Amino acid sequence: MTESKGSSKEAIEPGSESDGMHRRGFHQTVIYILNGLMGLALALPTLVYLLMPPKGRKESAYVDAGDISQLTVGIPVEMSFQQSRVDGWRALTEKRTAWVVKNSDNSVVAYGPQCTHLGCAYHYEESTKKFICPCHTSYFSIQGAVLTGPAPRPLDRYVTRIENNRLMVGALKPTDGSKA
């Protein structure tokens, strides 16, 4: 009988360690695998961000700003247009404006809408025939030159070209005297 008692102790119990992987070990293995998958899920976007450069910031070359056949020579008109650009991974379409002046030789000058002092929006005053910035009273001539005020340089100009009486507006370029 003693032999049977000894043999029963040597019998393998279902929850013992000699049964292979025990429950705690299985759970630890599953937790390690899940942690590894979560770490990989967090690391992949980071690696993509670090290793793949974003798209460069580029603006469309020329944008149609409108018909210039009805413009009067020497009278500025504010024209609005849509300009698309890619910034990083975002594609944006923005509303822009320009003050457009038609010259006697049918050439066109388009000025950026901000004062060169602090970037306030200026307007054209018909009675004085000048552009006026209401923020700090800078005055600009029809040619964009500074007449009075704290503005450090003339108005910025858009690169323009004319195609079939349509004004095509390009990039905004700082005028002489700027460091940009």
N, C-alpha and C. Protein backbone atom coordinates (compact mmCIF):
# COMPACT_ATOMS: atom_id res chain seq x y z
N MET A 1 0.79 -1.19 0.00
CA MET A 1 0.00 0.00 0.00
C MET A 1 0.83 1.25 0.00
N THR A 2 1.94 1.17 0.64
CA THR A 2 2.81 2.32 0.64
C THR A 2 3.29 2.64 -0.76
N GLU A 3 3.40 1.62 -1.55
CA GLU A 3 3.85 1.87 -2.91
C GLU A 3 2.80 2.66 -3.69
N SER A 4 1.54 2.33 -3.44
CA SER A 4 0.52 3.05 -4.17
C SER A 4 0.43 4.50 -3.74
N LYS A 5 0.68 4.75 -2.40
CA LYS A 5 0.67 6.13 -1.95
C LYS A 5 1.83 6.90 -2.57
N GLY A 6 2.99 6.30 -2.66
CA GLY A 6 4.15 6.95 -3.24
C GLY A 6 3.94 7.20 -4.72
N SER A 7 3.34 6.28 -5.39
CA SER A 7 3.11 6.44 -6.81
C SER A 7 2.05 7.50 -7.09
N SER A 8 1.12 7.67 -6.14
CA SER A 8 0.12 8.71 -6.35
C SER A 8 0.73 10.09 -6.18
N LYS A 9 1.77 10.20 -5.32
CA LYS A 9 2.44 11.49 -5.17
C LYS A 9 3.25 11.80 -6.41
N GLU A 10 3.77 10.80 -7.03
CA GLU A 10 4.57 11.02 -8.22
C GLU A 10 3.69 11.26 -9.45
N ALA A 11 2.43 11.00 -9.34
CA ALA A 11 1.54 11.24 -10.48
C ALA A 11 1.49 12.74 -10.77
N ILE A 12 1.42 13.10 -12.01
CA ILE A 12 1.46 14.50 -12.43
C ILE A 12 0.09 15.13 -12.22
N GLU A 13 0.10 16.22 -11.50
CA GLU A 13 -1.14 16.94 -11.26
C GLU A 13 -1.34 17.92 -12.43
N PRO A 14 -2.59 18.20 -12.79
CA PRO A 14 -2.86 19.04 -13.95
C PRO A 14 -2.31 20.46 -13.83
N GLY A 15 -2.18 21.07 -12.67
CA GLY A 15 -1.72 22.45 -12.53
C GLY A 15 -0.26 22.57 -12.18
N SER A 16 0.51 21.47 -12.20
CA SER A 16 1.90 21.53 -11.76
C SER A 16 2.81 22.09 -12.84
N GLU A 17 4.05 22.48 -12.44
CA GLU A 17 5.01 23.09 -13.36
C GLU A 17 5.60 22.09 -14.33
N SER A 18 5.64 20.86 -13.97
CA SER A 18 6.21 19.87 -14.87
C SER A 18 5.27 19.56 -16.03
N ASP A 19 4.11 20.19 -16.05
CA ASP A 19 3.11 20.02 -17.09
C ASP A 19 3.49 20.80 -18.36
N GLY A 20 4.60 21.48 -18.42
CA GLY A 20 4.97 22.35 -19.53
C GLY A 20 4.84 23.79 -19.05
N MET A 21 4.27 24.70 -19.88
CA MET A 21 4.10 26.10 -19.50
C MET A 21 2.91 26.22 -18.56
N HIS A 22 3.11 26.84 -17.43
CA HIS A 22 2.00 27.01 -16.51
C HIS A 22 1.23 28.29 -16.84
N ARG A 23 0.14 28.52 -16.22
CA ARG A 23 -0.77 29.62 -16.54
C ARG A 23 -0.09 30.98 -16.43
N ARG A 24 0.67 31.21 -15.39
CA ARG A 24 1.34 32.50 -15.18
C ARG A 24 2.34 32.77 -16.32
N GLY A 25 3.07 31.79 -16.72
CA GLY A 25 4.02 31.94 -17.82
C GLY A 25 3.33 32.26 -19.14
N PHE A 26 2.19 31.62 -19.38
CA PHE A 26 1.42 31.88 -20.60
C PHE A 26 0.95 33.34 -20.62
N HIS A 27 0.41 33.81 -19.49
CA HIS A 27 -0.08 35.19 -19.42
C HIS A 27 1.06 36.19 -19.60
N GLN A 28 2.21 35.91 -19.02
CA GLN A 28 3.36 36.80 -19.20
C GLN A 28 3.79 36.85 -20.67
N THR A 29 3.79 35.73 -21.33
CA THR A 29 4.16 35.69 -22.74
C THR A 29 3.17 36.50 -23.58
N VAL A 30 1.88 36.35 -23.30
CA VAL A 30 0.86 37.11 -24.04
C VAL A 30 1.03 38.60 -23.78
N ILE A 31 1.30 38.99 -22.54
CA ILE A 31 1.51 40.41 -22.20
C ILE A 31 2.74 40.95 -22.92
N TYR A 32 3.82 40.20 -22.97
CA TYR A 32 5.03 40.65 -23.68
C TYR A 32 4.76 40.83 -25.17
N ILE A 33 4.01 39.91 -25.74
CA ILE A 33 3.70 40.02 -27.17
C ILE A 33 2.82 41.26 -27.43
N LEU A 34 1.80 41.46 -26.59
CA LEU A 34 0.93 42.64 -26.76
C LEU A 34 1.70 43.94 -26.56
N ASN A 35 2.59 44.00 -25.56
CA ASN A 35 3.43 45.19 -25.35
C ASN A 35 4.33 45.45 -26.56
N GLY A 36 4.87 44.39 -27.12
CA GLY A 36 5.70 44.55 -28.32
C GLY A 36 4.91 45.10 -29.49
N LEU A 37 3.68 44.60 -29.68
CA LEU A 37 2.83 45.10 -30.76
C LEU A 37 2.45 46.55 -30.55
N MET A 38 2.13 46.93 -29.30
CA MET A 38 1.79 48.33 -29.02
C MET A 38 3.01 49.24 -29.24
N GLY A 39 4.18 48.80 -28.83
CA GLY A 39 5.39 49.58 -29.06
C GLY A 39 5.67 49.76 -30.54
N LEU A 40 5.45 48.71 -31.31
CA LEU A 40 5.63 48.79 -32.76
C LEU A 40 4.61 49.74 -33.38
N ALA A 41 3.37 49.69 -32.89
CA ALA A 41 2.33 50.58 -33.41
C ALA A 41 2.66 52.04 -33.12
N LEU A 42 3.32 52.31 -32.01
CA LEU A 42 3.72 53.68 -31.69
C LEU A 42 5.01 54.08 -32.42
N ALA A 43 5.88 53.13 -32.66
CA ALA A 43 7.17 53.45 -33.28
C ALA A 43 7.06 53.68 -34.78
N LEU A 44 6.17 52.98 -35.47
CA LEU A 44 6.08 53.12 -36.93
C LEU A 44 5.75 54.54 -37.37
N PRO A 45 4.71 55.20 -36.84
CA PRO A 45 4.46 56.58 -37.27
C PRO A 45 5.64 57.51 -36.95
N THR A 46 6.29 57.28 -35.84
CA THR A 46 7.44 58.10 -35.48
C THR A 46 8.57 57.91 -36.49
N LEU A 47 8.83 56.69 -36.87
CA LEU A 47 9.88 56.42 -37.86
C LEU A 47 9.52 57.02 -39.22
N VAL A 48 8.27 56.91 -39.61
CA VAL A 48 7.83 57.51 -40.88
C VAL A 48 8.04 59.02 -40.82
N TYR A 49 7.67 59.65 -39.71
CA TYR A 49 7.83 61.09 -39.55
C TYR A 49 9.30 61.50 -39.62
N LEU A 50 10.16 60.72 -38.97
CA LEU A 50 11.58 61.07 -38.92
C LEU A 50 12.33 60.76 -40.21
N LEU A 51 11.97 59.69 -40.87
CA LEU A 51 12.74 59.24 -42.03
C LEU A 51 12.20 59.74 -43.37
N MET A 52 10.92 60.07 -43.45
CA MET A 52 10.35 60.55 -44.70
C MET A 52 10.12 62.05 -44.59
N PRO A 53 10.83 62.85 -45.37
CA PRO A 53 10.64 64.31 -45.27
C PRO A 53 9.27 64.71 -45.80
N PRO A 54 8.69 65.77 -45.22
CA PRO A 54 7.40 66.24 -45.72
C PRO A 54 7.56 66.87 -47.09
N LYS A 55 6.46 67.03 -47.78
CA LYS A 55 6.49 67.68 -49.08
C LYS A 55 6.90 69.13 -48.88
N GLY A 56 7.62 69.66 -49.81
CA GLY A 56 8.04 71.06 -49.73
C GLY A 56 6.87 71.99 -49.85
N ARG A 57 7.05 73.17 -49.32
CA ARG A 57 5.98 74.17 -49.41
C ARG A 57 6.07 74.80 -50.79
N LYS A 58 5.04 74.59 -51.57
CA LYS A 58 5.06 75.16 -52.91
C LYS A 58 3.71 75.78 -53.22
N GLU A 59 3.76 76.85 -53.91
CA GLU A 59 2.54 77.54 -54.32
C GLU A 59 2.38 77.37 -55.82
N SER A 60 1.15 77.44 -56.27
CA SER A 60 0.93 77.35 -57.70
C SER A 60 1.62 78.53 -58.38
N ALA A 61 2.17 78.30 -59.55
CA ALA A 61 2.99 79.30 -60.23
C ALA A 61 2.20 80.59 -60.50
N TYR A 62 1.17 80.54 -61.27
CA TYR A 62 0.36 81.72 -61.57
C TYR A 62 -1.11 81.38 -61.38
N VAL A 63 -1.83 82.34 -60.85
CA VAL A 63 -3.26 82.16 -60.58
C VAL A 63 -4.03 83.24 -61.33
N ASP A 64 -5.16 82.86 -61.90
CA ASP A 64 -6.00 83.81 -62.61
C ASP A 64 -6.70 84.72 -61.61
N ALA A 65 -6.41 86.02 -61.67
CA ALA A 65 -7.00 86.98 -60.73
C ALA A 65 -8.20 87.69 -61.32
N GLY A 66 -8.39 87.65 -62.59
CA GLY A 66 -9.57 88.27 -63.18
C GLY A 66 -9.30 89.00 -64.47
N ASP A 67 -10.38 89.55 -65.02
CA ASP A 67 -10.35 90.29 -66.29
C ASP A 67 -9.88 91.72 -66.04
N ILE A 68 -8.93 92.18 -66.85
CA ILE A 68 -8.42 93.55 -66.67
C ILE A 68 -8.88 94.49 -67.78
N SER A 69 -9.71 94.01 -68.70
CA SER A 69 -10.13 94.86 -69.81
C SER A 69 -11.00 96.02 -69.36
N GLN A 70 -11.69 95.89 -68.24
CA GLN A 70 -12.58 96.95 -67.76
C GLN A 70 -11.90 97.91 -66.78
N LEU A 71 -10.62 97.68 -66.46
CA LEU A 71 -9.92 98.55 -65.52
C LEU A 71 -9.63 99.91 -66.14
N THR A 72 -9.73 100.95 -65.34
CA THR A 72 -9.42 102.31 -65.77
C THR A 72 -7.96 102.59 -65.47
N VAL A 73 -7.29 103.25 -66.40
CA VAL A 73 -5.87 103.57 -66.23
C VAL A 73 -5.69 104.48 -65.02
N GLY A 74 -4.77 104.10 -64.12
CA GLY A 74 -4.42 104.93 -62.97
C GLY A 74 -5.35 104.85 -61.78
N ILE A 75 -6.39 104.02 -61.84
CA ILE A 75 -7.32 103.87 -60.71
C ILE A 75 -7.13 102.46 -60.12
N PRO A 76 -6.65 102.35 -58.90
CA PRO A 76 -6.45 101.03 -58.28
C PRO A 76 -7.79 100.32 -57.99
N VAL A 77 -7.78 99.02 -58.19
CA VAL A 77 -8.95 98.18 -57.92
C VAL A 77 -8.46 96.99 -57.09
N GLU A 78 -9.22 96.68 -56.04
CA GLU A 78 -8.86 95.52 -55.22
C GLU A 78 -9.48 94.28 -55.86
N MET A 79 -8.62 93.30 -56.22
CA MET A 79 -9.08 92.08 -56.87
C MET A 79 -8.81 90.90 -55.94
N SER A 80 -9.77 89.98 -55.87
CA SER A 80 -9.63 88.77 -55.05
C SER A 80 -9.40 87.56 -55.95
N PHE A 81 -8.64 86.60 -55.44
CA PHE A 81 -8.39 85.37 -56.19
C PHE A 81 -8.09 84.25 -55.20
N GLN A 82 -8.18 83.03 -55.67
CA GLN A 82 -7.90 81.83 -54.86
C GLN A 82 -6.51 81.32 -55.23
N GLN A 83 -5.71 81.01 -54.21
CA GLN A 83 -4.37 80.48 -54.46
C GLN A 83 -4.21 79.19 -53.68
N SER A 84 -3.73 78.15 -54.34
CA SER A 84 -3.53 76.85 -53.70
C SER A 84 -2.05 76.68 -53.38
N ARG A 85 -1.80 76.01 -52.25
CA ARG A 85 -0.42 75.70 -51.87
C ARG A 85 -0.39 74.43 -51.06
N VAL A 86 0.76 73.78 -51.03
CA VAL A 86 0.96 72.58 -50.23
C VAL A 86 1.93 72.94 -49.13
N ASP A 87 1.52 72.70 -47.90
CA ASP A 87 2.36 73.00 -46.74
C ASP A 87 2.50 71.71 -45.93
N GLY A 88 3.67 71.08 -46.03
CA GLY A 88 3.84 69.79 -45.37
C GLY A 88 2.99 68.75 -46.06
N TRP A 89 2.04 68.18 -45.35
CA TRP A 89 1.15 67.18 -45.93
C TRP A 89 -0.24 67.76 -46.21
N ARG A 90 -0.44 69.05 -45.96
CA ARG A 90 -1.75 69.66 -46.16
C ARG A 90 -1.79 70.45 -47.45
N ALA A 91 -2.85 70.28 -48.20
CA ALA A 91 -3.09 71.10 -49.39
C ALA A 91 -4.12 72.16 -49.01
N LEU A 92 -3.75 73.43 -49.18
CA LEU A 92 -4.61 74.54 -48.76
C LEU A 92 -5.00 75.39 -49.96
N THR A 93 -6.21 75.91 -49.93
CA THR A 93 -6.66 76.90 -50.90
C THR A 93 -7.03 78.14 -50.10
N GLU A 94 -6.36 79.24 -50.40
CA GLU A 94 -6.55 80.47 -49.63
C GLU A 94 -7.07 81.59 -50.51
N LYS A 95 -7.89 82.45 -49.91
CA LYS A 95 -8.36 83.63 -50.62
C LYS A 95 -7.31 84.72 -50.43
N ARG A 96 -6.89 85.32 -51.51
CA ARG A 96 -5.90 86.40 -51.47
C ARG A 96 -6.47 87.61 -52.19
N THR A 97 -5.91 88.77 -51.90
CA THR A 97 -6.30 89.99 -52.59
C THR A 97 -5.07 90.73 -53.08
N ALA A 98 -5.27 91.59 -54.04
CA ALA A 98 -4.20 92.43 -54.57
C ALA A 98 -4.82 93.75 -55.03
N TRP A 99 -4.07 94.82 -54.83
CA TRP A 99 -4.47 96.12 -55.38
C TRP A 99 -3.83 96.21 -56.75
N VAL A 100 -4.67 96.29 -57.79
CA VAL A 100 -4.20 96.26 -59.17
C VAL A 100 -4.35 97.64 -59.79
N VAL A 101 -3.26 98.11 -60.43
CA VAL A 101 -3.25 99.41 -61.11
C VAL A 101 -2.86 99.16 -62.57
N LYS A 102 -3.72 99.64 -63.47
CA LYS A 102 -3.44 99.53 -64.90
C LYS A 102 -2.71 100.80 -65.33
N ASN A 103 -1.59 100.63 -66.02
CA ASN A 103 -0.79 101.76 -66.50
C ASN A 103 -1.22 102.15 -67.91
N SER A 104 -0.76 103.31 -68.37
CA SER A 104 -1.14 103.81 -69.69
C SER A 104 -0.65 102.93 -70.83
N ASP A 105 0.42 102.18 -70.61
CA ASP A 105 0.93 101.29 -71.66
C ASP A 105 0.30 99.90 -71.59
N ASN A 106 -0.84 99.77 -70.90
CA ASN A 106 -1.59 98.52 -70.70
C ASN A 106 -0.84 97.48 -69.87
N SER A 107 0.24 97.87 -69.23
CA SER A 107 0.87 96.98 -68.26
C SER A 107 0.11 97.09 -66.95
N VAL A 108 0.29 96.11 -66.08
CA VAL A 108 -0.44 96.07 -64.82
C VAL A 108 0.53 95.83 -63.68
N VAL A 109 0.28 96.52 -62.57
CA VAL A 109 1.06 96.31 -61.34
C VAL A 109 0.08 95.84 -60.28
N ALA A 110 0.43 94.77 -59.56
CA ALA A 110 -0.42 94.25 -58.48
C ALA A 110 0.36 94.32 -57.17
N TYR A 111 -0.18 95.05 -56.21
CA TYR A 111 0.47 95.22 -54.91
C TYR A 111 -0.12 94.27 -53.88
N GLY A 112 0.72 93.80 -52.98
CA GLY A 112 0.25 92.99 -51.86
C GLY A 112 -0.64 93.83 -50.96
N PRO A 113 -1.59 93.23 -50.23
CA PRO A 113 -2.59 93.99 -49.48
C PRO A 113 -2.13 94.48 -48.11
N GLN A 114 -0.89 94.23 -47.69
CA GLN A 114 -0.44 94.65 -46.38
C GLN A 114 0.57 95.79 -46.46
N CYS A 115 0.46 96.69 -45.49
CA CYS A 115 1.43 97.77 -45.33
C CYS A 115 2.78 97.16 -44.97
N THR A 116 3.85 97.77 -45.45
CA THR A 116 5.18 97.24 -45.18
C THR A 116 5.70 97.63 -43.80
N HIS A 117 4.92 98.35 -43.03
CA HIS A 117 5.33 98.72 -41.67
C HIS A 117 5.03 97.56 -40.71
N LEU A 118 3.76 97.32 -40.44
CA LEU A 118 3.39 96.24 -39.52
C LEU A 118 2.36 95.28 -40.11
N GLY A 119 2.12 95.35 -41.38
CA GLY A 119 1.23 94.39 -42.03
C GLY A 119 -0.25 94.70 -41.95
N CYS A 120 -0.62 95.92 -41.61
CA CYS A 120 -2.04 96.29 -41.59
C CYS A 120 -2.57 96.37 -43.03
N ALA A 121 -3.85 96.15 -43.18
CA ALA A 121 -4.48 96.28 -44.49
C ALA A 121 -4.69 97.76 -44.81
N TYR A 122 -4.19 98.19 -45.93
CA TYR A 122 -4.37 99.59 -46.33
C TYR A 122 -5.52 99.69 -47.33
N HIS A 123 -5.90 100.91 -47.69
CA HIS A 123 -6.96 101.13 -48.67
C HIS A 123 -6.58 102.30 -49.57
N TYR A 124 -7.30 102.42 -50.68
CA TYR A 124 -7.07 103.51 -51.61
C TYR A 124 -8.10 104.59 -51.36
N GLU A 125 -7.63 105.82 -51.24
CA GLU A 125 -8.54 106.95 -51.04
C GLU A 125 -8.58 107.76 -52.33
N GLU A 126 -9.74 107.77 -52.96
CA GLU A 126 -9.93 108.43 -54.24
C GLU A 126 -9.67 109.93 -54.17
N SER A 127 -10.07 110.58 -53.07
CA SER A 127 -9.94 112.05 -52.97
C SER A 127 -8.48 112.50 -52.95
N THR A 128 -7.61 111.73 -52.32
CA THR A 128 -6.19 112.10 -52.26
C THR A 128 -5.34 111.36 -53.30
N LYS A 129 -5.94 110.35 -53.94
CA LYS A 129 -5.25 109.52 -54.92
C LYS A 129 -4.01 108.87 -54.31
N LYS A 130 -4.16 108.33 -53.10
CA LYS A 130 -3.07 107.68 -52.38
C LYS A 130 -3.60 106.44 -51.68
N PHE A 131 -2.67 105.50 -51.44
CA PHE A 131 -2.97 104.37 -50.57
C PHE A 131 -2.68 104.83 -49.14
N ILE A 132 -3.60 104.52 -48.21
CA ILE A 132 -3.44 104.97 -46.82
C ILE A 132 -3.56 103.76 -45.90
N CYS A 133 -2.60 103.66 -44.99
CA CYS A 133 -2.65 102.63 -43.95
C CYS A 133 -3.24 103.27 -42.69
N PRO A 134 -4.39 102.81 -42.22
CA PRO A 134 -5.03 103.45 -41.08
C PRO A 134 -4.35 103.17 -39.74
N CYS A 135 -3.50 102.18 -39.66
CA CYS A 135 -2.87 101.84 -38.38
C CYS A 135 -1.89 102.91 -37.89
N HIS A 136 -0.98 103.33 -38.77
CA HIS A 136 0.04 104.31 -38.37
C HIS A 136 0.21 105.41 -39.40
N THR A 137 -0.80 105.62 -40.21
CA THR A 137 -0.89 106.68 -41.22
C THR A 137 0.30 106.75 -42.18
N SER A 138 0.66 105.62 -42.72
CA SER A 138 1.63 105.62 -43.82
C SER A 138 0.86 105.92 -45.10
N TYR A 139 1.45 106.72 -45.97
CA TYR A 139 0.85 107.05 -47.25
C TYR A 139 1.75 106.52 -48.35
N PHE A 140 1.12 105.92 -49.38
CA PHE A 140 1.85 105.37 -50.51
C PHE A 140 1.28 105.96 -51.79
N SER A 141 2.16 106.18 -52.78
CA SER A 141 1.70 106.69 -54.07
C SER A 141 1.08 105.55 -54.88
N ILE A 142 0.53 105.92 -56.02
CA ILE A 142 -0.05 104.93 -56.95
C ILE A 142 1.03 103.96 -57.44
N GLN A 143 2.28 104.40 -57.47
CA GLN A 143 3.40 103.55 -57.88
C GLN A 143 3.92 102.68 -56.74
N GLY A 144 3.31 102.80 -55.54
CA GLY A 144 3.70 101.99 -54.39
C GLY A 144 4.79 102.59 -53.53
N ALA A 145 5.31 103.77 -53.88
CA ALA A 145 6.39 104.40 -53.12
C ALA A 145 5.86 105.00 -51.82
N VAL A 146 6.71 105.00 -50.79
CA VAL A 146 6.33 105.59 -49.50
C VAL A 146 6.36 107.11 -49.63
N LEU A 147 5.25 107.76 -49.29
CA LEU A 147 5.19 109.23 -49.30
C LEU A 147 5.45 109.77 -47.91
N THR A 148 4.75 109.27 -46.91
CA THR A 148 4.96 109.67 -45.51
C THR A 148 4.65 108.48 -44.61
N GLY A 149 5.11 108.59 -43.38
CA GLY A 149 4.77 107.58 -42.39
C GLY A 149 5.93 106.69 -42.02
N PRO A 150 5.67 105.77 -41.12
CA PRO A 150 6.75 104.91 -40.63
C PRO A 150 7.08 103.72 -41.53
N ALA A 151 6.36 103.53 -42.62
CA ALA A 151 6.64 102.38 -43.50
C ALA A 151 8.09 102.46 -43.99
N PRO A 152 8.86 101.37 -43.85
CA PRO A 152 10.28 101.41 -44.19
C PRO A 152 10.60 101.25 -45.68
N ARG A 153 9.63 100.76 -46.47
CA ARG A 153 9.91 100.49 -47.88
C ARG A 153 8.62 100.55 -48.68
N PRO A 154 8.72 100.57 -50.00
CA PRO A 154 7.53 100.60 -50.85
C PRO A 154 6.68 99.34 -50.68
N LEU A 155 5.48 99.39 -51.24
CA LEU A 155 4.57 98.25 -51.18
C LEU A 155 5.16 97.04 -51.91
N ASP A 156 4.90 95.86 -51.39
CA ASP A 156 5.33 94.62 -52.03
C ASP A 156 4.49 94.38 -53.27
N ARG A 157 5.11 93.75 -54.28
CA ARG A 157 4.43 93.52 -55.56
C ARG A 157 4.33 92.04 -55.86
N TYR A 158 3.22 91.69 -56.51
CA TYR A 158 3.07 90.35 -57.05
C TYR A 158 3.75 90.30 -58.41
N VAL A 159 4.31 89.16 -58.75
CA VAL A 159 4.80 88.92 -60.09
C VAL A 159 3.57 88.71 -60.95
N THR A 160 3.48 89.44 -62.06
CA THR A 160 2.26 89.37 -62.89
C THR A 160 2.61 89.13 -64.35
N ARG A 161 1.62 88.64 -65.06
CA ARG A 161 1.66 88.56 -66.52
C ARG A 161 0.22 88.61 -67.01
N ILE A 162 0.05 88.99 -68.26
CA ILE A 162 -1.29 89.13 -68.84
C ILE A 162 -1.44 88.11 -69.95
N GLU A 163 -2.54 87.34 -69.90
CA GLU A 163 -2.86 86.37 -70.94
C GLU A 163 -4.31 86.56 -71.35
N ASN A 164 -4.54 86.98 -72.58
CA ASN A 164 -5.90 87.17 -73.11
C ASN A 164 -6.74 88.08 -72.22
N ASN A 165 -6.19 89.23 -71.86
CA ASN A 165 -6.86 90.21 -70.99
C ASN A 165 -7.19 89.67 -69.61
N ARG A 166 -6.51 88.61 -69.18
CA ARG A 166 -6.67 88.05 -67.84
C ARG A 166 -5.38 88.30 -67.08
N LEU A 167 -5.53 88.76 -65.85
CA LEU A 167 -4.36 89.00 -65.00
C LEU A 167 -3.96 87.70 -64.33
N MET A 168 -2.73 87.29 -64.55
CA MET A 168 -2.18 86.10 -63.92
C MET A 168 -1.22 86.58 -62.83
N VAL A 169 -1.49 86.17 -61.59
CA VAL A 169 -0.71 86.64 -60.43
C VAL A 169 0.17 85.50 -59.95
N GLY A 170 1.46 85.83 -59.73
CA GLY A 170 2.42 84.85 -59.22
C GLY A 170 2.76 85.11 -57.77
N ALA A 171 3.99 84.93 -57.42
CA ALA A 171 4.44 85.06 -56.03
C ALA A 171 4.52 86.54 -55.62
N LEU A 172 4.35 86.78 -54.34
CA LEU A 172 4.49 88.13 -53.77
C LEU A 172 5.96 88.36 -53.46
N LYS A 173 6.53 89.40 -54.05
CA LYS A 173 7.95 89.70 -53.89
C LYS A 173 8.13 91.00 -53.12
N PRO A 174 9.00 91.00 -52.10
CA PRO A 174 9.31 92.26 -51.42
C PRO A 174 9.99 93.23 -52.38
N THR A 175 9.76 94.51 -52.19
CA THR A 175 10.35 95.52 -53.06
C THR A 175 11.75 95.88 -52.60
N ASP A 176 12.41 96.77 -53.35
CA ASP A 176 13.76 97.20 -53.04
C ASP A 176 13.87 97.68 -51.59
N GLY A 177 15.02 97.43 -51.00
CA GLY A 177 15.24 97.89 -49.63
C GLY A 177 14.87 96.85 -48.60
N SER A 178 14.27 95.71 -49.03
CA SER A 178 13.91 94.67 -48.06
C SER A 178 15.01 93.65 -47.98
N LYS A 179 15.03 92.93 -46.88
CA LYS A 179 16.04 91.90 -46.68
C LYS A 179 15.46 90.52 -46.88
N ALA A 180 14.17 90.43 -47.19
CA ALA A 180 13.52 89.11 -47.34
C ALA A 180 13.70 88.59 -48.73
